[in-house]
C-alpha atoms as a PDB file:
ATOM      1  CA  GLY A   1      14.463  -1.587   0.425  1.00  0.00           C
ATOM      2  CA  THR A   2      17.187  -3.715   2.083  1.00  0.00           C
ATOM      3  CA  VAL A   3      15.929  -3.617   5.518  1.00  0.00           C
ATOM      4  CA  ALA A   4      12.334  -4.387   3.779  1.00  0.00           C
ATOM      5  CA  ALA A   5      13.550  -6.953   1.754  1.00  0.00           C
ATOM      6  CA  ARG A   6      15.584  -8.786   4.826  1.00  0.00           C
ATOM      7  CA  HIS A   7      12.029  -8.390   6.743  1.00  0.00           C
ATOM      8  CA  LEU A   8      10.446 -10.127   4.092  1.00  0.00           C
ATOM      9  CA  LYS A   9      12.622 -12.967   3.603  1.00  0.00           C
ATOM     10  CA  ALA A  10      12.149 -13.832   7.279  1.00  0.00           C
ATOM     11  CA  ILE A  11       8.554 -14.168   7.567  1.00  0.00           C
ATOM     12  CA  LEU A  12       7.831 -15.862   4.131  1.00  0.00           C
ATOM     13  CA  ASN A  13       8.264 -19.286   5.142  1.00  0.00           C
ATOM     14  CA  ASN A  14       4.863 -19.167   7.029  1.00  0.00           C
ATOM     15  CA  ALA A  15       3.025 -17.096   4.054  1.00  0.00           C
ATOM     16  CA  THR A  16       1.144 -18.830   1.250  1.00  0.00           C
ATOM     17  CA  ILE A  17      -0.361 -15.659  -0.098  1.00  0.00           C
ATOM     18  CA  VAL A  18       1.374 -12.242  -0.244  1.00  0.00           C
ATOM     19  CA  GLY A  19      -0.811  -9.115  -1.252  1.00  0.00           C
ATOM     20  CA  ILE A  20       0.946  -6.259  -2.755  1.00  0.00           C
ATOM     21  CA  SER A  21       0.347  -2.782  -3.505  1.00  0.00           C
ATOM     22  CA  TRP A  22       2.552  -0.319  -5.476  1.00  0.00           C
ATOM     23  CA  GLY A  23       4.851   2.235  -5.585  1.00  0.00           C
ATOM     24  CA  THR A  24       8.496   3.176  -4.984  1.00  0.00           C
ATOM     25  CA  ALA A  25       9.202   1.866  -1.825  1.00  0.00           C
ATOM     26  CA  ILE A  26       7.791  -1.483  -2.525  1.00  0.00           C
ATOM     27  CA  TYR A  27      10.018  -0.930  -6.239  1.00  0.00           C
ATOM     28  CA  GLU A  28      13.094  -0.933  -3.943  1.00  0.00           C
ATOM     29  CA  LEU A  29      11.906  -3.891  -1.627  1.00  0.00           C
ATOM     30  CA  VAL A  30      11.388  -6.086  -4.694  1.00  0.00           C
ATOM     31  CA  ASN A  31      14.614  -4.775  -6.785  1.00  0.00           C
ATOM     32  CA  SER A  32      16.609  -5.593  -3.275  1.00  0.00           C
ATOM     33  CA  PHE A  33      15.329  -9.353  -2.734  1.00  0.00           C
ATOM     34  CA  GLU A  34      17.407 -11.977  -3.436  1.00  0.00           C
ATOM     35  CA  PRO A  35      15.803 -14.858  -5.429  1.00  0.00           C
ATOM     36  CA  GLU A  36      14.854 -17.824  -3.147  1.00  0.00           C
ATOM     37  CA  VAL A  37      12.662 -20.777  -3.592  1.00  0.00           C
ATOM     38  CA  TYR A  38       9.682 -21.174  -1.545  1.00  0.00           C
ATOM     39  CA  LYS A  39       6.699 -23.441  -1.384  1.00  0.00           C
ATOM     40  CA  ASP A  40       3.394 -22.646  -2.611  1.00  0.00           C
ATOM     41  CA  ILE A  41       3.487 -19.019  -2.493  1.00  0.00           C
ATOM     42  CA  GLU A  42       1.320 -16.807  -4.492  1.00  0.00           C
ATOM     43  CA  ILE A  43       1.735 -12.890  -4.666  1.00  0.00           C
ATOM     44  CA  ILE A  44      -1.573 -10.966  -5.255  1.00  0.00           C
ATOM     45  CA  GLN A  45      -2.028  -7.488  -7.025  1.00  0.00           C
ATOM     46  CA  MET A  46      -4.533  -5.645  -4.131  1.00  0.00           C
ATOM     47  CA  ILE A  47      -5.247  -2.637  -5.844  1.00  0.00           C
ATOM     48  CA  GLY A  48      -5.702  -1.865  -9.614  1.00  0.00           C
ATOM     49  CA  GLY A  49      -2.999  -0.666 -12.099  1.00  0.00           C
ATOM     50  CA  ILE A  50      -1.878   2.569 -12.859  1.00  0.00           C
ATOM     51  CA  GLY A  51      -1.141   2.106 -16.418  1.00  0.00           C
ATOM     52  CA  ALA A  52       1.985   2.799 -18.742  1.00  0.00           C
ATOM     53  CA  GLU A  53       3.153   6.109 -17.301  1.00  0.00           C
ATOM     54  CA  ASN A  54       5.302   4.212 -14.281  1.00  0.00           C
ATOM     55  CA  PRO A  55       5.282   0.501 -15.212  1.00  0.00           C
ATOM     56  CA  ASP A  56       8.396  -0.217 -12.942  1.00  0.00           C
ATOM     57  CA  ILE A  57       6.522   0.891  -9.636  1.00  0.00           C
ATOM     58  CA  ASP A  58       2.839  -0.608 -10.886  1.00  0.00           C
ATOM     59  CA  GLY A  59       1.511  -3.352  -8.875  1.00  0.00           C
ATOM     60  CA  THR A  60       1.110  -5.747 -12.160  1.00  0.00           C
ATOM     61  CA  GLU A  61       5.105  -5.598 -12.529  1.00  0.00           C
ATOM     62  CA  LEU A  62       5.645  -5.657  -9.081  1.00  0.00           C
ATOM     63  CA  ALA A  63       3.369  -8.853  -8.462  1.00  0.00           C
ATOM     64  CA  ARG A  64       5.300 -10.720 -11.284  1.00  0.00           C
ATOM     65  CA  ARG A  65       8.650  -9.716 -10.323  1.00  0.00           C
ATOM     66  CA  LEU A  66       8.438 -10.727  -6.630  1.00  0.00           C
ATOM     67  CA  ALA A  67       6.496 -13.949  -7.794  1.00  0.00           C
ATOM     68  CA  GLU A  68       9.466 -14.989 -10.022  1.00  0.00           C
ATOM     69  CA  LYS A  69      12.210 -14.315  -7.400  1.00  0.00           C
ATOM     70  CA  VAL A  70      10.401 -16.367  -4.822  1.00  0.00           C
ATOM     71  CA  SER A  71       9.264 -18.898  -7.199  1.00  0.00           C
ATOM     72  CA  GLY A  72       5.740 -18.287  -6.820  1.00  0.00           C
ATOM     73  CA  ARG A  73       2.474 -17.710  -8.748  1.00  0.00           C
ATOM     74  CA  TYR A  74       1.285 -14.353  -8.988  1.00  0.00           C
ATOM     75  CA  ARG A  75      -2.453 -12.805  -9.859  1.00  0.00           C
ATOM     76  CA  TYR A  76      -2.998  -9.510 -11.518  1.00  0.00           C
ATOM     77  CA  LEU A  77      -6.091  -7.553 -10.849  1.00  0.00           C
ATOM     78  CA  HIS A  78      -7.539  -6.589 -13.760  1.00  0.00           C
ATOM     79  CA  ALA A  79      -8.818  -3.386 -13.358  1.00  0.00           C
ATOM     80  CA  PRO A  80      -7.539   0.635 -13.513  1.00  0.00           C
ATOM     81  CA  LEU A  81      -6.455   1.989  -9.987  1.00  0.00           C
ATOM     82  CA  ILE A  82      -8.880   4.871 -10.130  1.00  0.00           C
ATOM     83  CA  VAL A  83     -11.912   5.127 -11.972  1.00  0.00           C
ATOM     84  CA  GLU A  84     -14.379   8.469 -13.230  1.00  0.00           C
ATOM     85  CA  SER A  85     -16.872   7.182 -11.251  1.00  0.00           C
ATOM     86  CA  ALA A  86     -18.071   5.408  -8.304  1.00  0.00           C
ATOM     87  CA  ASP A  87     -20.860   4.274 -10.451  1.00  0.00           C
ATOM     88  CA  ILE A  88     -18.178   2.607 -12.885  1.00  0.00           C
ATOM     89  CA  LYS A  89     -16.344   1.108  -9.803  1.00  0.00           C
ATOM     90  CA  ARG A  90     -19.201  -0.741  -8.487  1.00  0.00           C
ATOM     91  CA  ALA A  91     -19.650  -2.321 -11.609  1.00  0.00           C
ATOM     92  CA  MET A  92     -16.053  -3.400 -12.885  1.00  0.00           C
ATOM     93  CA  ILE A  93     -15.650  -4.547  -8.884  1.00  0.00           C
ATOM     94  CA  GLN A  94     -18.722  -7.281  -9.887  1.00  0.00           C
ATOM     95  CA  GLU A  95     -16.415  -8.488 -13.241  1.00  0.00           C
ATOM     96  CA  ARG A  96     -15.835 -12.409 -12.437  1.00  0.00           C
ATOM     97  CA  ASN A  97     -11.977 -11.921 -12.715  1.00  0.00           C
ATOM     98  CA  VAL A  98     -11.997  -8.365 -10.461  1.00  0.00           C
ATOM     99  CA  LYS A  99     -14.322 -10.028  -7.845  1.00  0.00           C
ATOM    100  CA  ASP A 100     -12.444 -13.354  -7.659  1.00  0.00           C
ATOM    101  CA  THR A 101      -9.146 -11.553  -7.124  1.00  0.00           C
ATOM    102  CA  LEU A 102     -10.547  -8.983  -4.482  1.00  0.00           C
ATOM    103  CA  GLU A 103     -12.107 -12.330  -2.827  1.00  0.00           C
ATOM    104  CA  ARG A 104      -8.578 -14.204  -3.094  1.00  0.00           C
ATOM    105  CA  VAL A 105      -6.534 -11.372  -1.490  1.00  0.00           C
ATOM    106  CA  LYS A 106      -8.937 -11.568   1.573  1.00  0.00           C
ATOM    107  CA  LYS A 107      -7.243 -14.938   2.285  1.00  0.00           C
ATOM    108  CA  ALA A 108      -3.761 -13.216   2.619  1.00  0.00           C
ATOM    109  CA  ASP A 109      -1.545 -14.023   5.298  1.00  0.00           C
ATOM    110  CA  VAL A 110       0.900 -11.206   4.707  1.00  0.00           C
ATOM    111  CA  ALA A 111       0.349  -8.026   2.606  1.00  0.00           C
ATOM    112  CA  ILE A 112       3.373  -5.049   1.747  1.00  0.00           C
ATOM    113  CA  VAL A 113       1.813  -1.686   1.282  1.00  0.00           C
ATOM    114  CA  GLY A 114       3.576   1.935   0.913  1.00  0.00           C
ATOM    115  CA  ILE A 115       2.303   5.027   2.364  1.00  0.00           C
ATOM    116  CA  GLY A 116       1.597   7.684   0.028  1.00  0.00           C
ATOM    117  CA  SER A 117       1.671  11.319   1.088  1.00  0.00           C
ATOM    118  CA  THR A 118      -0.528  14.273   0.091  1.00  0.00           C
ATOM    119  CA  ASN A 119       2.934  16.443  -0.202  1.00  0.00           C
ATOM    120  CA  PRO A 120       2.745  17.457  -3.644  1.00  0.00           C
ATOM    121  CA  ASN A 121       6.529  16.895  -3.876  1.00  0.00           C
ATOM    122  CA  VAL A 122       6.318  12.990  -3.069  1.00  0.00           C
ATOM    123  CA  SER A 123       2.955  12.289  -4.312  1.00  0.00           C
ATOM    124  CA  SER A 124       2.977   8.968  -6.248  1.00  0.00           C
ATOM    125  CA  LEU A 125      -0.728   9.695  -7.435  1.00  0.00           C
ATOM    126  CA  ILE A 126       0.829  12.843  -8.873  1.00  0.00           C
ATOM    127  CA  ARG A 127       3.612  11.173 -10.758  1.00  0.00           C
ATOM    128  CA  ALA A 128       0.884   8.461 -11.854  1.00  0.00           C
ATOM    129  CA  GLY A 129      -1.367  10.813 -13.681  1.00  0.00           C
ATOM    130  CA  TYR A 130      -4.125  10.402 -11.543  1.00  0.00           C
ATOM    131  CA  LEU A 131      -3.944  13.774  -9.568  1.00  0.00           C
ATOM    132  CA  ASN A 132      -2.903  17.148 -10.378  1.00  0.00           C
ATOM    133  CA  LYS A 133      -1.484  19.470  -7.641  1.00  0.00           C
ATOM    134  CA  LYS A 134      -4.788  21.682  -7.726  1.00  0.00           C
ATOM    135  CA  GLU A 135      -6.869  18.569  -7.036  1.00  0.00           C
ATOM    136  CA  LEU A 136      -4.477  17.366  -4.546  1.00  0.00           C
ATOM    137  CA  SER A 137      -4.592  20.577  -2.757  1.00  0.00           C
ATOM    138  CA  GLU A 138      -8.946  20.183  -2.657  1.00  0.00           C
ATOM    139  CA  ILE A 139      -8.464  16.743  -0.801  1.00  0.00           C
ATOM    140  CA  LYS A 140      -5.939  18.497   1.673  1.00  0.00           C
ATOM    141  CA  LYS A 141      -8.261  21.163   2.739  1.00  0.00           C
ATOM    142  CA  LEU A 142     -10.619  18.459   3.098  1.00  0.00           C
ATOM    143  CA  GLY A 143      -8.157  16.673   5.851  1.00  0.00           C
ATOM    144  CA  ALA A 144      -6.500  14.196   3.731  1.00  0.00           C
ATOM    145  CA  ILE A 145      -3.162  13.674   5.032  1.00  0.00           C
ATOM    146  CA  GLY A 146      -1.589  10.517   2.984  1.00  0.00           C
ATOM    147  CA  ASP A 147      -3.081   7.434   1.461  1.00  0.00           C
ATOM    148  CA  VAL A 148      -2.728   3.361   1.894  1.00  0.00           C
ATOM    149  CA  CYS A 149      -3.844   1.524  -1.214  1.00  0.00           C
ATOM    150  CA  ALA A 150      -4.839   4.822  -2.770  1.00  0.00           C
ATOM    151  CA  LYS A 151      -7.316   5.249   0.098  1.00  0.00           C
ATOM    152  CA  HIS A 152      -7.059   8.559   1.477  1.00  0.00           C
ATOM    153  CA  PHE A 153      -7.154   9.220   5.679  1.00  0.00           C
ATOM    154  CA  ASP A 154      -6.712  12.335   7.880  1.00  0.00           C
ATOM    155  CA  MET A 155      -4.345  13.023  10.674  1.00  0.00           C
ATOM    156  CA  TYR A 156      -6.203  10.842  13.012  1.00  0.00           C
ATOM    157  CA  GLY A 157      -6.243   7.712  10.644  1.00  0.00           C
ATOM    158  CA  ASN A 158      -9.951   8.178   9.626  1.00  0.00           C
ATOM    159  CA  LEU A 159     -10.690   7.444   5.746  1.00  0.00           C
ATOM    160  CA  CYS A 160     -11.625  10.744   4.180  1.00  0.00           C
ATOM    161  CA  GLN A 161     -15.187  11.559   3.208  1.00  0.00           C
ATOM    162  CA  ILE A 162     -13.986  12.175  -0.176  1.00  0.00           C
ATOM    163  CA  ASN A 163     -15.122  11.300  -3.922  1.00  0.00           C
ATOM    164  CA  LEU A 164     -11.918   9.701  -4.873  1.00  0.00           C
ATOM    165  CA  ASN A 165     -11.915   7.022  -2.020  1.00  0.00           C
ATOM    166  CA  GLU A 166     -15.176   6.123  -3.944  1.00  0.00           C
ATOM    167  CA  ARG A 167     -13.476   5.707  -7.235  1.00  0.00           C
ATOM    168  CA  VAL A 168     -10.316   3.512  -5.803  1.00  0.00           C
ATOM    169  CA  ILE A 169     -10.288  -0.221  -7.089  1.00  0.00           C
ATOM    170  CA  GLY A 170      -8.557  -2.540  -4.783  1.00  0.00           C
ATOM    171  CA  ILE A 171      -8.705  -3.961  -1.453  1.00  0.00           C
ATOM    172  CA  ASN A 172     -11.270  -2.847   0.744  1.00  0.00           C
ATOM    173  CA  ILE A 173      -9.532  -1.169   3.721  1.00  0.00           C
ATOM    174  CA  GLU A 174     -11.495  -2.856   6.663  1.00  0.00           C
ATOM    175  CA  GLU A 175     -10.556  -6.194   4.770  1.00  0.00           C
ATOM    176  CA  LEU A 176      -6.607  -4.909   4.871  1.00  0.00           C
ATOM    177  CA  LYS A 177      -6.926  -4.576   8.574  1.00  0.00           C
ATOM    178  CA  LYS A 178      -7.609  -7.874   9.390  1.00  0.00           C
ATOM    179  CA  ILE A 179      -4.622  -9.635   7.335  1.00  0.00           C
ATOM    180  CA  ASN A 180      -2.470 -10.688  10.044  1.00  0.00           C
ATOM    181  CA  TYR A 181       0.679  -9.321   9.115  1.00  0.00           C
ATOM    182  CA  VAL A 182       0.768  -5.866   7.096  1.00  0.00           C
ATOM    183  CA  ILE A 183       3.804  -4.378   6.493  1.00  0.00           C
ATOM    184  CA  GLY A 184       3.785  -0.608   6.045  1.00  0.00           C
ATOM    185  CA  ILE A 185       6.955   1.023   4.134  1.00  0.00           C
ATOM    186  CA  ALA A 186       7.631   4.924   3.840  1.00  0.00           C
ATOM    187  CA  GLY A 187      11.039   6.756   4.722  1.00  0.00           C
ATOM    188  CA  GLY A 188      11.466  10.414   4.820  1.00  0.00           C
ATOM    189  CA  LYS A 189      10.983  12.968   6.914  1.00  0.00           C
ATOM    190  CA  VAL A 190       8.311  14.384   4.577  1.00  0.00           C
ATOM    191  CA  LYS A 191       6.143  11.015   4.905  1.00  0.00           C
ATOM    192  CA  ALA A 192       6.190  11.512   9.108  1.00  0.00           C
ATOM    193  CA  SER A 193       2.581  12.998   9.340  1.00  0.00           C
ATOM    194  CA  ALA A 194       1.443   9.959   6.849  1.00  0.00           C
ATOM    195  CA  ILE A 195       2.757   7.407   8.836  1.00  0.00           C
ATOM    196  CA  LEU A 196       1.479   8.721  11.762  1.00  0.00           C
ATOM    197  CA  GLY A 197      -1.869   8.553  10.251  1.00  0.00           C
ATOM    198  CA  VAL A 198      -1.656   5.260   9.151  1.00  0.00           C
ATOM    199  CA  LEU A 199      -0.441   4.059  12.884  1.00  0.00           C
ATOM    200  CA  ARG A 200      -4.062   5.739  14.255  1.00  0.00           C
ATOM    201  CA  GLY A 201      -5.774   4.290  11.754  1.00  0.00           C
ATOM    202  CA  GLY A 202      -4.606   0.767  12.687  1.00  0.00           C
ATOM    203  CA  TYR A 203      -3.919  -0.034   8.748  1.00  0.00           C
ATOM    204  CA  ILE A 204      -0.334  -1.856   9.753  1.00  0.00           C
ATOM    205  CA  ASN A 205       0.850  -3.777  12.507  1.00  0.00           C
ATOM    206  CA  VAL A 206       4.629  -3.492  10.956  1.00  0.00           C
ATOM    207  CA  LEU A 207       6.212  -0.273  10.163  1.00  0.00           C
ATOM    208  CA  ILE A 208       9.789  -0.170   8.081  1.00  0.00           C
ATOM    209  CA  SER A 209      10.807   3.155   7.733  1.00  0.00           C
ATOM    210  CA  ASP A 210      14.388   5.285   8.574  1.00  0.00           C
ATOM    211  CA  ASP A 211      15.573   7.194  11.276  1.00  0.00           C
ATOM    212  CA  GLN A 212      14.522  10.408  10.304  1.00  0.00           C
ATOM    213  CA  ALA A 213      11.055   9.535   9.770  1.00  0.00           C
ATOM    214  CA  ILE A 214      10.584   7.858  12.490  1.00  0.00           C
ATOM    215  CA  SER A 215      12.026  10.649  14.981  1.00  0.00           C
ATOM    216  CA  GLU A 216       9.710  13.214  13.325  1.00  0.00           C
ATOM    217  CA  VAL A 217       6.451  10.740  14.006  1.00  0.00           C
ATOM    218  CA  LEU A 218       7.581  10.519  17.626  1.00  0.00           C
ATOM    219  CA  LYS A 219       7.905  14.566  17.600  1.00  0.00           C
ATOM    220  CA  LEU A 220       3.921  14.315  16.142  1.00  0.00           C
ATOM    221  CA  ASN A 221       2.882  11.978  18.589  1.00  0.00           C
ATOM    222  CA  ASP A 222       4.055  10.262  22.170  1.00  0.00           C
ATOM    223  CA  ILE A 223       4.157   6.485  21.099  1.00  0.00           C
ATOM    224  CA  LEU A 224       2.036   5.267  23.735  1.00  0.00           C
ATOM    225  CA  ARG A 225      -0.850   6.859  21.844  1.00  0.00           C
ATOM    226  CA  ILE A 226      -0.392   5.293  18.432  1.00  0.00           C
ATOM    227  CA  GLY A 227      -1.658   1.898  19.141  1.00  0.00           C
ATOM    228  CA  ASP A 228      -1.142  -1.384  18.097  1.00  0.00           C
ATOM    229  CA  LEU A 229       2.320  -0.959  16.375  1.00  0.00           C
ATOM    230  CA  ASN A 230       3.808  -4.574  16.607  1.00  0.00           C
ATOM    231  CA  GLU A 231       7.588  -3.875  15.096  1.00  0.00           C
ATOM    232  CA  ILE A 232       9.410  -1.107  13.872  1.00  0.00           C
ATOM    233  CA  TYR A 233      12.190  -1.534  11.881  1.00  0.00           C
ATOM    234  CA  SER A 234      14.684   1.192  10.415  1.00  0.00           C
END
């Protein structure tokens, strides 16, 4: 969290809109971030909320806390992270408040995302109660290796054609990739395959990780084949 917080501090002077997702890694970043006054910054929750199960790692709480630490404004995405069907999702993203927030976050200068894994021992979606181990096993059989903003991808970085991806409320992944500065945060050897998928998919251009994870990623795939990764921090 300290490395991520230090890096974020260094770039915030050039940002006016910051999108934030959810999870333990971002919780650690926000916890480590020392308060500082910045001019005219808005922190926007990029994906729906997980509810009461783990409020500390929810995007609503993280957006509010980071905004307080930078003396900025914050904006919630008033919707759950995952809904029962694609039809419900399509209806909800047409609601004015939800639609306005999703349009606003497209204009972000910086996005901060955690990198999730389909390993049941570290899956945030299992901890949040959105998936059980059987459901996770089923999407793994369909190729899912990890997730970013709760959208699952395979080892090549392609979004999986699974029903779960159609039920997530949040920033569109293609819109995320258009944001100038997307910071991905994940650590531990267990996250290496998910990190590799994120890099291959081009979802982030800055990775903040640890030596164990980076070493394992390099074992899994030659660095020159990863693509446009501007910076790695550990």
